[in-house]
Amino acid sequence: MAAFSGDVPARPIDVSAPDKTVRLDIHRILQILPHRFPFVMVDSVDEIVPYKFVRGHKCVSYNEPWFQGHFPHRPIMPGVLILESLAQVGGILAYASEPFDPTTNLMFFLGIDKAKFRHTVVPGDRLDLECRVIHHRSNVWKLNGEASVGGTLCAQGELLATIVDRAP
């Protein structure tokens, strides 16, 4: 069973060396994101440049719960979950840029503009996720997100998110 985020305190992501490639595995991601199975939509992060961009991916597996009904004879990943994957990797970018305490703060997805779905995502695909900062002010982030498989753009959109205090 995966460790609960409260088990190990989250620490800032070290991005101080300009030539250093930052990679985050699932254990580190679970320290940052509040999501748990079956809603963790990022398996690893491959590259982060604070305040600029993040690249990560999700390995899409047939045994994920939505494939049983979406659709039984032609399983495809729901578009809204692809957007959720982008929002989660965007949350990791915000954390790497301005570390917050995940035990006292949450990042909320506020909205999406210009969402487009261009290609299906199916079991066995590696969904590559990239978010770039469009605008950041105070605790609000606007990001451009793109999800692709093998270089083929599958979904894109502009995401809006904020960091808020957790309710007591």
N, C-alpha and C. Protein backbone atom coordinates (compact mmCIF):
# COMPACT_ATOMS: atom_id res chain seq x y z
N MET A 1 0.84 -1.19 0.00
CA MET A 1 0.00 0.00 0.00
C MET A 1 0.88 1.24 0.00
N ALA A 2 0.47 2.24 -0.72
CA ALA A 2 1.25 3.48 -0.81
C ALA A 2 1.24 4.23 0.50
N ALA A 3 2.33 4.90 0.79
CA ALA A 3 2.43 5.69 2.00
C ALA A 3 1.52 6.90 1.90
N PHE A 4 0.86 7.24 3.01
CA PHE A 4 0.03 8.44 3.06
C PHE A 4 0.93 9.64 3.14
N SER A 5 0.52 10.73 2.53
CA SER A 5 1.39 11.91 2.47
C SER A 5 1.79 12.41 3.84
N GLY A 6 1.01 12.13 4.85
CA GLY A 6 1.34 12.57 6.20
C GLY A 6 2.45 11.74 6.83
N ASP A 7 2.78 10.57 6.26
CA ASP A 7 3.81 9.71 6.84
C ASP A 7 5.20 10.30 6.70
N VAL A 8 5.47 10.94 5.59
CA VAL A 8 6.79 11.53 5.33
C VAL A 8 6.56 12.98 4.94
N PRO A 9 7.13 13.92 5.70
CA PRO A 9 6.90 15.32 5.34
C PRO A 9 7.49 15.65 3.97
N ALA A 10 6.73 16.41 3.20
CA ALA A 10 7.22 16.85 1.89
C ALA A 10 8.33 17.86 2.09
N ARG A 11 9.30 17.83 1.23
CA ARG A 11 10.41 18.77 1.30
C ARG A 11 10.52 19.47 -0.05
N PRO A 12 11.14 20.64 -0.08
CA PRO A 12 11.29 21.34 -1.36
C PRO A 12 12.05 20.49 -2.37
N ILE A 13 11.79 20.73 -3.63
CA ILE A 13 12.48 20.03 -4.71
C ILE A 13 13.73 20.82 -5.04
N ASP A 14 14.89 20.17 -5.00
CA ASP A 14 16.16 20.85 -5.26
C ASP A 14 16.36 21.03 -6.76
N VAL A 15 16.21 22.26 -7.20
CA VAL A 15 16.40 22.59 -8.61
C VAL A 15 17.49 23.65 -8.75
N SER A 16 18.39 23.70 -7.77
CA SER A 16 19.37 24.78 -7.72
C SER A 16 20.45 24.68 -8.79
N ALA A 17 20.89 23.48 -9.14
CA ALA A 17 21.95 23.34 -10.14
C ALA A 17 21.35 23.45 -11.54
N PRO A 18 21.82 24.40 -12.37
CA PRO A 18 21.22 24.59 -13.69
C PRO A 18 21.37 23.40 -14.63
N ASP A 19 22.40 22.58 -14.44
CA ASP A 19 22.60 21.43 -15.32
C ASP A 19 22.03 20.15 -14.72
N LYS A 20 21.38 20.27 -13.58
CA LYS A 20 20.85 19.10 -12.89
C LYS A 20 19.46 18.75 -13.42
N THR A 21 19.26 17.52 -13.81
CA THR A 21 17.95 17.06 -14.24
C THR A 21 17.20 16.57 -13.01
N VAL A 22 16.03 17.12 -12.78
CA VAL A 22 15.22 16.74 -11.63
C VAL A 22 14.26 15.65 -12.06
N ARG A 23 14.31 14.53 -11.40
CA ARG A 23 13.38 13.43 -11.65
C ARG A 23 12.67 13.10 -10.35
N LEU A 24 11.36 12.93 -10.43
CA LEU A 24 10.57 12.56 -9.26
C LEU A 24 9.90 11.23 -9.52
N ASP A 25 10.05 10.30 -8.60
CA ASP A 25 9.36 9.02 -8.73
C ASP A 25 8.01 9.10 -8.01
N ILE A 26 7.27 8.03 -8.05
CA ILE A 26 5.91 8.02 -7.50
C ILE A 26 5.92 8.29 -6.00
N HIS A 27 6.94 7.85 -5.29
CA HIS A 27 6.99 8.08 -3.84
C HIS A 27 7.09 9.57 -3.52
N ARG A 28 7.89 10.28 -4.28
CA ARG A 28 8.05 11.73 -4.08
C ARG A 28 6.79 12.46 -4.52
N ILE A 29 6.17 12.00 -5.60
CA ILE A 29 4.92 12.60 -6.08
C ILE A 29 3.83 12.47 -5.03
N LEU A 30 3.76 11.32 -4.37
CA LEU A 30 2.75 11.11 -3.32
C LEU A 30 2.97 12.01 -2.11
N GLN A 31 4.18 12.50 -1.92
CA GLN A 31 4.44 13.45 -0.83
C GLN A 31 3.91 14.84 -1.18
N ILE A 32 3.80 15.13 -2.45
CA ILE A 32 3.39 16.47 -2.90
C ILE A 32 1.89 16.53 -3.17
N LEU A 33 1.37 15.57 -3.94
CA LEU A 33 -0.05 15.58 -4.31
C LEU A 33 -0.91 14.95 -3.22
N PRO A 34 -2.12 15.46 -3.02
CA PRO A 34 -3.01 14.84 -2.03
C PRO A 34 -3.75 13.62 -2.59
N HIS A 35 -3.67 13.37 -3.89
CA HIS A 35 -4.41 12.30 -4.54
C HIS A 35 -3.87 10.93 -4.14
N ARG A 36 -4.73 9.94 -4.18
CA ARG A 36 -4.38 8.55 -3.92
C ARG A 36 -5.10 7.67 -4.93
N PHE A 37 -4.73 6.39 -4.96
CA PHE A 37 -5.34 5.44 -5.88
C PHE A 37 -6.86 5.52 -5.72
N PRO A 38 -7.61 5.52 -6.78
CA PRO A 38 -7.21 5.38 -8.18
C PRO A 38 -7.06 6.72 -8.90
N PHE A 39 -6.82 7.79 -8.16
CA PHE A 39 -6.84 9.11 -8.79
C PHE A 39 -5.49 9.80 -8.89
N VAL A 40 -4.41 9.08 -8.66
CA VAL A 40 -3.09 9.66 -8.93
C VAL A 40 -2.85 9.47 -10.42
N MET A 41 -2.68 10.58 -11.14
CA MET A 41 -2.60 10.54 -12.60
C MET A 41 -1.22 10.88 -13.14
N VAL A 42 -0.21 10.89 -12.28
CA VAL A 42 1.17 11.15 -12.70
C VAL A 42 2.04 10.05 -12.10
N ASP A 43 2.76 9.31 -12.94
CA ASP A 43 3.63 8.24 -12.45
C ASP A 43 5.05 8.72 -12.18
N SER A 44 5.54 9.66 -12.98
CA SER A 44 6.88 10.20 -12.73
C SER A 44 7.00 11.56 -13.39
N VAL A 45 7.97 12.32 -12.88
CA VAL A 45 8.30 13.62 -13.47
C VAL A 45 9.72 13.52 -13.97
N ASP A 46 9.93 13.93 -15.21
CA ASP A 46 11.23 13.78 -15.86
C ASP A 46 12.07 15.06 -15.85
N GLU A 47 11.40 16.22 -15.84
CA GLU A 47 12.14 17.47 -15.92
C GLU A 47 11.29 18.61 -15.36
N ILE A 48 11.94 19.47 -14.58
CA ILE A 48 11.26 20.66 -14.03
C ILE A 48 12.20 21.85 -14.15
N VAL A 49 11.67 22.95 -14.65
CA VAL A 49 12.35 24.24 -14.59
C VAL A 49 11.36 25.16 -13.88
N PRO A 50 11.63 25.49 -12.61
CA PRO A 50 10.67 26.30 -11.84
C PRO A 50 10.24 27.56 -12.58
N TYR A 51 8.97 27.88 -12.40
CA TYR A 51 8.34 29.05 -13.02
C TYR A 51 8.27 28.97 -14.55
N LYS A 52 8.73 27.87 -15.14
CA LYS A 52 8.71 27.75 -16.61
C LYS A 52 7.93 26.53 -17.08
N PHE A 53 8.44 25.32 -16.82
CA PHE A 53 7.75 24.14 -17.33
C PHE A 53 8.07 22.89 -16.52
N VAL A 54 7.25 21.87 -16.75
CA VAL A 54 7.43 20.54 -16.16
C VAL A 54 7.07 19.52 -17.22
N ARG A 55 7.80 18.40 -17.20
CA ARG A 55 7.48 17.26 -18.08
C ARG A 55 7.40 16.00 -17.21
N GLY A 56 6.36 15.25 -17.43
CA GLY A 56 6.19 13.99 -16.71
C GLY A 56 5.39 13.03 -17.57
N HIS A 57 4.98 11.91 -16.97
CA HIS A 57 4.15 10.98 -17.74
C HIS A 57 3.29 10.11 -16.85
N LYS A 58 2.31 9.52 -17.49
CA LYS A 58 1.43 8.53 -16.87
C LYS A 58 1.41 7.32 -17.78
N CYS A 59 1.64 6.16 -17.18
CA CYS A 59 1.54 4.90 -17.92
C CYS A 59 0.09 4.43 -17.83
N VAL A 60 -0.56 4.33 -18.95
CA VAL A 60 -1.98 3.99 -19.00
C VAL A 60 -2.12 2.47 -19.03
N SER A 61 -2.86 1.93 -18.07
CA SER A 61 -2.99 0.48 -17.92
C SER A 61 -4.45 0.04 -18.07
N TYR A 62 -4.64 -1.13 -18.65
CA TYR A 62 -5.99 -1.65 -18.88
C TYR A 62 -6.75 -1.88 -17.58
N ASN A 63 -6.04 -2.12 -16.47
CA ASN A 63 -6.75 -2.43 -15.22
C ASN A 63 -7.19 -1.18 -14.44
N GLU A 64 -7.11 -0.01 -15.06
CA GLU A 64 -7.62 1.18 -14.40
C GLU A 64 -9.14 1.13 -14.42
N PRO A 65 -9.79 1.60 -13.34
CA PRO A 65 -11.22 1.33 -13.15
C PRO A 65 -12.16 1.86 -14.24
N TRP A 66 -11.82 2.94 -14.92
CA TRP A 66 -12.74 3.52 -15.90
C TRP A 66 -12.81 2.73 -17.19
N PHE A 67 -11.80 1.91 -17.49
CA PHE A 67 -11.81 1.20 -18.78
C PHE A 67 -12.91 0.14 -18.87
N GLN A 68 -13.39 -0.35 -17.76
CA GLN A 68 -14.45 -1.36 -17.79
C GLN A 68 -15.71 -0.81 -18.46
N GLY A 69 -15.98 0.48 -18.25
CA GLY A 69 -17.19 1.05 -18.84
C GLY A 69 -16.95 2.11 -19.90
N HIS A 70 -15.70 2.41 -20.20
CA HIS A 70 -15.40 3.52 -21.15
C HIS A 70 -14.39 3.08 -22.19
N PHE A 71 -14.64 2.33 -23.12
CA PHE A 71 -15.87 1.63 -23.47
C PHE A 71 -15.56 0.15 -23.47
N PRO A 72 -16.53 -0.72 -23.20
CA PRO A 72 -16.23 -2.14 -23.03
C PRO A 72 -15.48 -2.81 -24.18
N HIS A 73 -15.78 -2.47 -25.42
CA HIS A 73 -15.11 -3.14 -26.54
C HIS A 73 -14.05 -2.28 -27.21
N ARG A 74 -13.91 -1.03 -26.76
CA ARG A 74 -12.85 -0.16 -27.26
C ARG A 74 -12.48 0.82 -26.15
N PRO A 75 -11.65 0.35 -25.21
CA PRO A 75 -11.33 1.21 -24.07
C PRO A 75 -10.49 2.43 -24.47
N ILE A 76 -10.96 3.61 -24.03
CA ILE A 76 -10.19 4.83 -24.23
C ILE A 76 -10.18 5.61 -22.90
N MET A 77 -9.11 6.32 -22.64
CA MET A 77 -9.01 7.12 -21.43
C MET A 77 -9.92 8.34 -21.58
N PRO A 78 -10.80 8.58 -20.60
CA PRO A 78 -11.68 9.74 -20.68
C PRO A 78 -10.88 11.05 -20.76
N GLY A 79 -11.33 11.95 -21.61
CA GLY A 79 -10.65 13.22 -21.80
C GLY A 79 -10.51 14.01 -20.52
N VAL A 80 -11.52 13.98 -19.68
CA VAL A 80 -11.46 14.72 -18.43
C VAL A 80 -10.33 14.20 -17.54
N LEU A 81 -9.99 12.92 -17.64
CA LEU A 81 -8.89 12.37 -16.84
C LEU A 81 -7.53 12.74 -17.44
N ILE A 82 -7.50 12.94 -18.73
CA ILE A 82 -6.26 13.44 -19.35
C ILE A 82 -6.01 14.87 -18.85
N LEU A 83 -7.07 15.68 -18.80
CA LEU A 83 -6.94 17.04 -18.27
C LEU A 83 -6.56 17.02 -16.80
N GLU A 84 -7.10 16.09 -16.04
CA GLU A 84 -6.72 15.95 -14.62
C GLU A 84 -5.24 15.61 -14.49
N SER A 85 -4.73 14.76 -15.38
CA SER A 85 -3.30 14.43 -15.38
C SER A 85 -2.46 15.69 -15.58
N LEU A 86 -2.89 16.53 -16.51
CA LEU A 86 -2.18 17.78 -16.75
C LEU A 86 -2.26 18.70 -15.53
N ALA A 87 -3.42 18.76 -14.90
CA ALA A 87 -3.57 19.59 -13.71
C ALA A 87 -2.66 19.11 -12.58
N GLN A 88 -2.54 17.80 -12.41
CA GLN A 88 -1.68 17.27 -11.35
C GLN A 88 -0.21 17.56 -11.62
N VAL A 89 0.25 17.39 -12.85
CA VAL A 89 1.65 17.69 -13.15
C VAL A 89 1.88 19.20 -13.02
N GLY A 90 0.86 20.01 -13.34
CA GLY A 90 0.95 21.45 -13.12
C GLY A 90 1.07 21.80 -11.65
N GLY A 91 0.38 21.06 -10.80
CA GLY A 91 0.51 21.26 -9.35
C GLY A 91 1.91 20.97 -8.86
N ILE A 92 2.54 19.98 -9.45
CA ILE A 92 3.93 19.66 -9.09
C ILE A 92 4.85 20.79 -9.52
N LEU A 93 4.59 21.40 -10.68
CA LEU A 93 5.37 22.55 -11.12
C LEU A 93 5.22 23.72 -10.15
N ALA A 94 4.00 23.99 -9.71
CA ALA A 94 3.77 25.08 -8.75
C ALA A 94 4.53 24.80 -7.45
N TYR A 95 4.50 23.56 -6.99
CA TYR A 95 5.21 23.18 -5.77
C TYR A 95 6.72 23.35 -5.94
N ALA A 96 7.25 22.96 -7.08
CA ALA A 96 8.69 23.10 -7.33
C ALA A 96 9.10 24.56 -7.42
N SER A 97 8.18 25.40 -7.87
CA SER A 97 8.48 26.83 -8.03
C SER A 97 8.40 27.57 -6.71
N GLU A 98 7.34 27.32 -5.96
CA GLU A 98 7.13 27.96 -4.66
C GLU A 98 6.62 26.90 -3.69
N PRO A 99 7.54 26.18 -3.03
CA PRO A 99 7.13 25.08 -2.16
C PRO A 99 6.11 25.53 -1.11
N PHE A 100 5.08 24.72 -0.97
CA PHE A 100 4.06 24.94 0.05
C PHE A 100 3.96 23.67 0.86
N ASP A 101 3.36 23.75 2.01
CA ASP A 101 3.23 22.59 2.88
C ASP A 101 1.96 21.83 2.49
N PRO A 102 2.10 20.65 1.88
CA PRO A 102 0.91 19.90 1.44
C PRO A 102 0.01 19.45 2.59
N THR A 103 0.52 19.51 3.83
CA THR A 103 -0.34 19.13 4.96
C THR A 103 -1.25 20.29 5.37
N THR A 104 -0.90 21.53 4.98
CA THR A 104 -1.72 22.69 5.35
C THR A 104 -2.29 23.42 4.13
N ASN A 105 -1.84 23.09 2.93
CA ASN A 105 -2.32 23.73 1.72
C ASN A 105 -2.73 22.70 0.67
N LEU A 106 -3.62 23.11 -0.20
CA LEU A 106 -4.05 22.29 -1.34
C LEU A 106 -4.02 23.15 -2.59
N MET A 107 -3.78 22.51 -3.72
CA MET A 107 -3.90 23.21 -4.99
C MET A 107 -5.23 22.79 -5.59
N PHE A 108 -6.07 23.77 -5.89
CA PHE A 108 -7.38 23.52 -6.49
C PHE A 108 -7.35 23.90 -7.96
N PHE A 109 -7.94 23.05 -8.77
CA PHE A 109 -8.12 23.28 -10.19
C PHE A 109 -9.32 24.22 -10.32
N LEU A 110 -9.11 25.39 -10.91
CA LEU A 110 -10.17 26.40 -11.01
C LEU A 110 -10.93 26.35 -12.33
N GLY A 111 -10.24 25.96 -13.40
CA GLY A 111 -10.93 25.95 -14.67
C GLY A 111 -10.01 25.63 -15.83
N ILE A 112 -10.63 25.49 -16.98
CA ILE A 112 -9.87 25.20 -18.20
C ILE A 112 -10.47 25.99 -19.36
N ASP A 113 -9.59 26.50 -20.17
CA ASP A 113 -9.99 27.20 -21.38
C ASP A 113 -9.31 26.54 -22.58
N LYS A 114 -9.93 26.68 -23.73
CA LYS A 114 -9.34 26.20 -24.98
C LYS A 114 -9.00 24.71 -24.96
N ALA A 115 -9.78 23.91 -24.26
CA ALA A 115 -9.53 22.46 -24.22
C ALA A 115 -9.87 21.84 -25.56
N LYS A 116 -8.96 21.00 -26.03
CA LYS A 116 -9.17 20.29 -27.28
C LYS A 116 -8.67 18.86 -27.12
N PHE A 117 -9.42 17.94 -27.69
CA PHE A 117 -9.04 16.53 -27.69
C PHE A 117 -8.78 16.13 -29.13
N ARG A 118 -7.58 15.66 -29.40
CA ARG A 118 -7.17 15.45 -30.78
C ARG A 118 -6.93 13.98 -31.15
N HIS A 119 -6.66 13.15 -30.14
CA HIS A 119 -6.36 11.74 -30.42
C HIS A 119 -6.69 10.92 -29.18
N THR A 120 -7.12 9.68 -29.39
CA THR A 120 -7.47 8.84 -28.24
C THR A 120 -6.22 8.33 -27.52
N VAL A 121 -6.41 8.04 -26.24
CA VAL A 121 -5.38 7.43 -25.39
C VAL A 121 -5.94 6.09 -24.94
N VAL A 122 -5.17 5.02 -25.17
CA VAL A 122 -5.66 3.67 -24.91
C VAL A 122 -4.70 2.92 -23.97
N PRO A 123 -5.19 1.83 -23.38
CA PRO A 123 -4.31 1.04 -22.52
C PRO A 123 -3.01 0.65 -23.23
N GLY A 124 -1.92 0.75 -22.50
CA GLY A 124 -0.60 0.45 -23.06
C GLY A 124 0.16 1.70 -23.48
N ASP A 125 -0.55 2.83 -23.60
CA ASP A 125 0.11 4.08 -23.98
C ASP A 125 0.88 4.68 -22.81
N ARG A 126 1.93 5.39 -23.13
CA ARG A 126 2.61 6.25 -22.16
C ARG A 126 2.18 7.67 -22.49
N LEU A 127 1.42 8.27 -21.60
CA LEU A 127 0.89 9.61 -21.80
C LEU A 127 1.92 10.61 -21.30
N ASP A 128 2.53 11.33 -22.24
CA ASP A 128 3.53 12.34 -21.89
C ASP A 128 2.80 13.65 -21.59
N LEU A 129 3.16 14.25 -20.46
CA LEU A 129 2.48 15.43 -19.95
C LEU A 129 3.45 16.60 -19.88
N GLU A 130 3.03 17.75 -20.36
CA GLU A 130 3.87 18.94 -20.26
C GLU A 130 3.01 20.14 -19.93
N CYS A 131 3.44 20.92 -18.95
CA CYS A 131 2.77 22.17 -18.61
C CYS A 131 3.79 23.29 -18.61
N ARG A 132 3.40 24.41 -19.19
CA ARG A 132 4.24 25.62 -19.23
C ARG A 132 3.48 26.76 -18.56
N VAL A 133 4.20 27.57 -17.80
CA VAL A 133 3.58 28.70 -17.13
C VAL A 133 3.26 29.79 -18.14
N ILE A 134 2.01 30.21 -18.17
CA ILE A 134 1.58 31.35 -18.96
C ILE A 134 1.64 32.60 -18.09
N HIS A 135 1.13 32.45 -16.87
CA HIS A 135 1.04 33.58 -15.95
C HIS A 135 1.00 33.07 -14.52
N HIS A 136 1.65 33.78 -13.62
CA HIS A 136 1.61 33.44 -12.20
C HIS A 136 1.58 34.73 -11.39
N ARG A 137 0.61 34.82 -10.50
CA ARG A 137 0.53 35.96 -9.59
C ARG A 137 -0.03 35.47 -8.26
N SER A 138 0.68 35.80 -7.20
CA SER A 138 0.27 35.43 -5.85
C SER A 138 0.09 33.91 -5.79
N ASN A 139 -1.11 33.44 -5.49
CA ASN A 139 -1.36 32.01 -5.38
C ASN A 139 -2.13 31.44 -6.58
N VAL A 140 -2.20 32.18 -7.68
CA VAL A 140 -2.93 31.74 -8.87
C VAL A 140 -1.95 31.46 -10.01
N TRP A 141 -2.16 30.31 -10.65
CA TRP A 141 -1.30 29.87 -11.75
C TRP A 141 -2.15 29.64 -13.00
N LYS A 142 -1.66 30.12 -14.13
CA LYS A 142 -2.26 29.81 -15.43
C LYS A 142 -1.22 29.07 -16.23
N LEU A 143 -1.57 27.88 -16.70
CA LEU A 143 -0.62 26.99 -17.37
C LEU A 143 -1.17 26.54 -18.72
N ASN A 144 -0.27 26.35 -19.67
CA ASN A 144 -0.62 25.73 -20.94
C ASN A 144 -0.23 24.25 -20.82
N GLY A 145 -1.18 23.35 -21.00
CA GLY A 145 -0.90 21.93 -20.87
C GLY A 145 -1.08 21.20 -22.18
N GLU A 146 -0.19 20.24 -22.42
CA GLU A 146 -0.30 19.36 -23.59
C GLU A 146 -0.02 17.93 -23.17
N ALA A 147 -0.85 17.02 -23.64
CA ALA A 147 -0.67 15.59 -23.39
C ALA A 147 -0.50 14.91 -24.75
N SER A 148 0.52 14.06 -24.85
CA SER A 148 0.78 13.39 -26.12
C SER A 148 1.19 11.94 -25.88
N VAL A 149 1.08 11.16 -26.94
CA VAL A 149 1.52 9.76 -26.93
C VAL A 149 2.41 9.57 -28.15
N GLY A 150 3.65 9.20 -27.92
CA GLY A 150 4.58 8.96 -29.02
C GLY A 150 4.75 10.15 -29.94
N GLY A 151 4.67 11.35 -29.39
CA GLY A 151 4.83 12.56 -30.20
C GLY A 151 3.54 13.06 -30.84
N THR A 152 2.44 12.31 -30.70
CA THR A 152 1.16 12.72 -31.26
C THR A 152 0.36 13.45 -30.19
N LEU A 153 0.00 14.69 -30.44
CA LEU A 153 -0.78 15.49 -29.50
C LEU A 153 -2.16 14.86 -29.31
N CYS A 154 -2.52 14.60 -28.05
CA CYS A 154 -3.80 13.98 -27.74
C CYS A 154 -4.80 14.96 -27.14
N ALA A 155 -4.30 15.86 -26.28
CA ALA A 155 -5.18 16.84 -25.64
C ALA A 155 -4.36 18.05 -25.26
N GLN A 156 -5.04 19.19 -25.16
CA GLN A 156 -4.36 20.41 -24.77
C GLN A 156 -5.38 21.36 -24.16
N GLY A 157 -4.88 22.35 -23.43
CA GLY A 157 -5.75 23.35 -22.85
C GLY A 157 -4.98 24.29 -21.95
N GLU A 158 -5.64 25.37 -21.55
CA GLU A 158 -5.08 26.31 -20.60
C GLU A 158 -5.74 26.06 -19.25
N LEU A 159 -4.93 25.76 -18.25
CA LEU A 159 -5.42 25.39 -16.93
C LEU A 159 -5.25 26.55 -15.96
N LEU A 160 -6.20 26.71 -15.07
CA LEU A 160 -6.14 27.73 -14.04
C LEU A 160 -6.25 27.04 -12.69
N ALA A 161 -5.33 27.37 -11.77
CA ALA A 161 -5.32 26.71 -10.47
C ALA A 161 -4.90 27.70 -9.39
N THR A 162 -5.23 27.38 -8.14
CA THR A 162 -4.85 28.22 -7.01
C THR A 162 -4.42 27.35 -5.84
N ILE A 163 -3.59 27.91 -4.99
CA ILE A 163 -3.16 27.24 -3.76
C ILE A 163 -3.92 27.88 -2.61
N VAL A 164 -4.61 27.05 -1.82
CA VAL A 164 -5.44 27.54 -0.72
C VAL A 164 -5.09 26.80 0.56
N ASP A 165 -5.50 27.38 1.69
CA ASP A 165 -5.33 26.70 2.97
C ASP A 165 -6.34 25.56 3.06
N ARG A 166 -5.89 24.43 3.65
CA ARG A 166 -6.82 23.34 3.90
C ARG A 166 -7.81 23.77 4.96
N ALA A 167 -9.03 23.29 4.85
CA ALA A 167 -10.04 23.60 5.87
C ALA A 167 -9.67 22.86 7.15
N PRO A 168 -9.94 23.47 8.32
CA PRO A 168 -9.60 22.80 9.60
C PRO A 168 -10.42 21.55 9.83
